[in-house]
N, C-alpha and C. Protein backbone atom coordinates (compact mmCIF):
# COMPACT_ATOMS: atom_id res chain seq x y z
N MET A 1 2.12 15.28 -3.84
CA MET A 1 3.40 14.90 -4.40
C MET A 1 3.27 13.61 -5.19
N ARG A 2 4.07 13.51 -6.19
CA ARG A 2 4.01 12.34 -7.07
C ARG A 2 4.39 11.06 -6.33
N ALA A 3 5.43 11.10 -5.51
CA ALA A 3 5.88 9.90 -4.81
C ALA A 3 4.79 9.39 -3.88
N ARG A 4 4.14 10.28 -3.19
CA ARG A 4 3.09 9.88 -2.26
C ARG A 4 1.90 9.28 -3.01
N ARG A 5 1.58 9.86 -4.15
CA ARG A 5 0.43 9.39 -4.92
C ARG A 5 0.65 7.98 -5.45
N PHE A 6 1.88 7.68 -5.85
CA PHE A 6 2.16 6.38 -6.46
C PHE A 6 2.88 5.42 -5.52
N ALA A 7 2.78 5.63 -4.23
CA ALA A 7 3.49 4.78 -3.26
C ALA A 7 3.06 3.33 -3.38
N LEU A 8 1.78 3.06 -3.53
CA LEU A 8 1.33 1.68 -3.64
C LEU A 8 1.79 1.02 -4.94
N VAL A 9 1.87 1.80 -6.00
CA VAL A 9 2.36 1.26 -7.27
C VAL A 9 3.84 0.89 -7.14
N TYR A 10 4.63 1.77 -6.49
CA TYR A 10 6.04 1.46 -6.27
C TYR A 10 6.18 0.20 -5.43
N GLY A 11 5.34 0.06 -4.41
CA GLY A 11 5.37 -1.14 -3.58
C GLY A 11 5.03 -2.39 -4.36
N LEU A 12 4.03 -2.30 -5.23
CA LEU A 12 3.65 -3.44 -6.05
C LEU A 12 4.78 -3.82 -7.01
N LEU A 13 5.42 -2.83 -7.61
CA LEU A 13 6.53 -3.12 -8.51
C LEU A 13 7.70 -3.78 -7.78
N LEU A 14 7.99 -3.33 -6.57
CA LEU A 14 9.07 -3.94 -5.79
C LEU A 14 8.72 -5.38 -5.44
N PHE A 15 7.48 -5.62 -5.06
CA PHE A 15 7.03 -6.98 -4.74
C PHE A 15 7.15 -7.90 -5.96
N LEU A 16 6.69 -7.42 -7.11
CA LEU A 16 6.77 -8.23 -8.32
C LEU A 16 8.21 -8.49 -8.74
N LEU A 17 9.07 -7.50 -8.57
CA LEU A 17 10.49 -7.68 -8.89
C LEU A 17 11.10 -8.77 -8.01
N CYS A 18 10.81 -8.74 -6.73
CA CYS A 18 11.33 -9.78 -5.82
C CYS A 18 10.78 -11.16 -6.19
N CYS A 19 9.51 -11.22 -6.58
CA CYS A 19 8.93 -12.51 -6.97
C CYS A 19 9.60 -13.05 -8.23
N VAL A 20 9.88 -12.19 -9.19
CA VAL A 20 10.53 -12.63 -10.44
C VAL A 20 11.95 -13.11 -10.16
N VAL A 21 12.68 -12.37 -9.34
CA VAL A 21 14.05 -12.78 -9.01
C VAL A 21 14.04 -14.12 -8.29
N GLY A 22 13.17 -14.27 -7.31
CA GLY A 22 13.08 -15.54 -6.59
C GLY A 22 12.67 -16.69 -7.49
N TYR A 23 11.77 -16.42 -8.43
CA TYR A 23 11.31 -17.43 -9.37
C TYR A 23 12.47 -17.92 -10.24
N GLU A 24 13.26 -17.00 -10.73
CA GLU A 24 14.38 -17.39 -11.60
C GLU A 24 15.50 -18.07 -10.81
N LEU A 25 15.75 -17.63 -9.58
CA LEU A 25 16.80 -18.25 -8.78
C LEU A 25 16.40 -19.63 -8.26
N ASN A 26 15.11 -19.91 -8.23
CA ASN A 26 14.61 -21.18 -7.70
C ASN A 26 14.26 -22.15 -8.84
N ASP A 27 15.02 -22.09 -9.91
CA ASP A 27 14.82 -22.98 -11.07
C ASP A 27 13.41 -22.90 -11.63
N PHE A 28 12.92 -21.68 -11.76
CA PHE A 28 11.63 -21.39 -12.38
C PHE A 28 10.46 -22.07 -11.67
N ARG A 29 10.53 -22.06 -10.35
CA ARG A 29 9.41 -22.48 -9.51
C ARG A 29 9.14 -21.36 -8.52
N PRO A 30 7.92 -21.22 -8.05
CA PRO A 30 7.62 -20.14 -7.09
C PRO A 30 8.47 -20.27 -5.83
N SER A 31 8.91 -19.14 -5.32
CA SER A 31 9.75 -19.10 -4.12
C SER A 31 9.03 -18.30 -3.04
N VAL A 32 8.56 -18.99 -2.01
CA VAL A 32 7.82 -18.34 -0.93
C VAL A 32 8.70 -17.36 -0.14
N PRO A 33 9.94 -17.71 0.22
CA PRO A 33 10.75 -16.74 0.96
C PRO A 33 10.98 -15.44 0.20
N TRP A 34 11.19 -15.53 -1.11
CA TRP A 34 11.38 -14.30 -1.88
C TRP A 34 10.09 -13.50 -1.95
N ALA A 35 8.96 -14.18 -2.04
CA ALA A 35 7.67 -13.48 -2.08
C ALA A 35 7.39 -12.78 -0.75
N VAL A 36 7.67 -13.46 0.35
CA VAL A 36 7.46 -12.85 1.67
C VAL A 36 8.42 -11.69 1.88
N GLY A 37 9.67 -11.88 1.50
CA GLY A 37 10.64 -10.79 1.61
C GLY A 37 10.25 -9.60 0.75
N GLY A 38 9.75 -9.86 -0.43
CA GLY A 38 9.30 -8.78 -1.30
C GLY A 38 8.10 -8.05 -0.72
N ALA A 39 7.18 -8.80 -0.11
CA ALA A 39 6.01 -8.17 0.51
C ALA A 39 6.41 -7.29 1.68
N VAL A 40 7.35 -7.76 2.49
CA VAL A 40 7.81 -6.96 3.63
C VAL A 40 8.55 -5.71 3.14
N ALA A 41 9.42 -5.88 2.16
CA ALA A 41 10.15 -4.72 1.62
C ALA A 41 9.19 -3.71 0.99
N ALA A 42 8.18 -4.19 0.30
CA ALA A 42 7.20 -3.30 -0.31
C ALA A 42 6.41 -2.55 0.75
N ALA A 43 6.02 -3.24 1.82
CA ALA A 43 5.28 -2.58 2.90
C ALA A 43 6.13 -1.50 3.56
N VAL A 44 7.40 -1.79 3.79
CA VAL A 44 8.30 -0.81 4.39
C VAL A 44 8.46 0.39 3.47
N LEU A 45 8.60 0.14 2.18
CA LEU A 45 8.74 1.23 1.21
C LEU A 45 7.50 2.12 1.20
N VAL A 46 6.33 1.53 1.18
CA VAL A 46 5.08 2.30 1.15
C VAL A 46 4.94 3.14 2.42
N VAL A 47 5.22 2.55 3.56
CA VAL A 47 5.12 3.31 4.83
C VAL A 47 6.13 4.44 4.85
N ALA A 48 7.35 4.16 4.39
CA ALA A 48 8.38 5.21 4.39
C ALA A 48 8.00 6.36 3.46
N ILE A 49 7.47 6.05 2.31
CA ILE A 49 7.06 7.11 1.38
C ILE A 49 5.89 7.89 1.95
N ARG A 50 4.92 7.19 2.50
CA ARG A 50 3.72 7.86 3.03
C ARG A 50 4.05 8.77 4.21
N ARG A 51 4.93 8.33 5.09
CA ARG A 51 5.26 9.13 6.26
C ARG A 51 6.35 10.17 5.99
N GLY A 52 7.18 9.89 4.99
CA GLY A 52 8.30 10.77 4.72
C GLY A 52 8.00 11.93 3.82
N THR A 53 6.82 11.95 3.23
CA THR A 53 6.45 13.05 2.34
C THR A 53 5.24 13.76 2.88
N THR A 54 5.16 15.04 2.58
CA THR A 54 3.99 15.80 3.01
C THR A 54 2.95 15.79 1.91
N PRO A 55 1.69 15.82 2.28
CA PRO A 55 0.65 15.82 1.25
C PRO A 55 0.75 17.07 0.37
N GLY A 56 0.63 16.89 -0.89
CA GLY A 56 0.69 18.02 -1.82
C GLY A 56 -0.67 18.33 -2.39
N PRO A 57 -0.74 19.35 -3.21
CA PRO A 57 -2.03 19.72 -3.79
C PRO A 57 -2.51 18.74 -4.83
């Protein structure tokens, strides 16, 4: 399945999106809480996609 194949890419995109949002909200300085939150959300997304889909051909 396509979703299962690209699960890590989706996780990386979610992590980067959270980092960009945190960066802009923190007056253009790196934001550790947003980065950690993005990493946790990305990990949850990847696990959910991997376990929620069946392997395809």
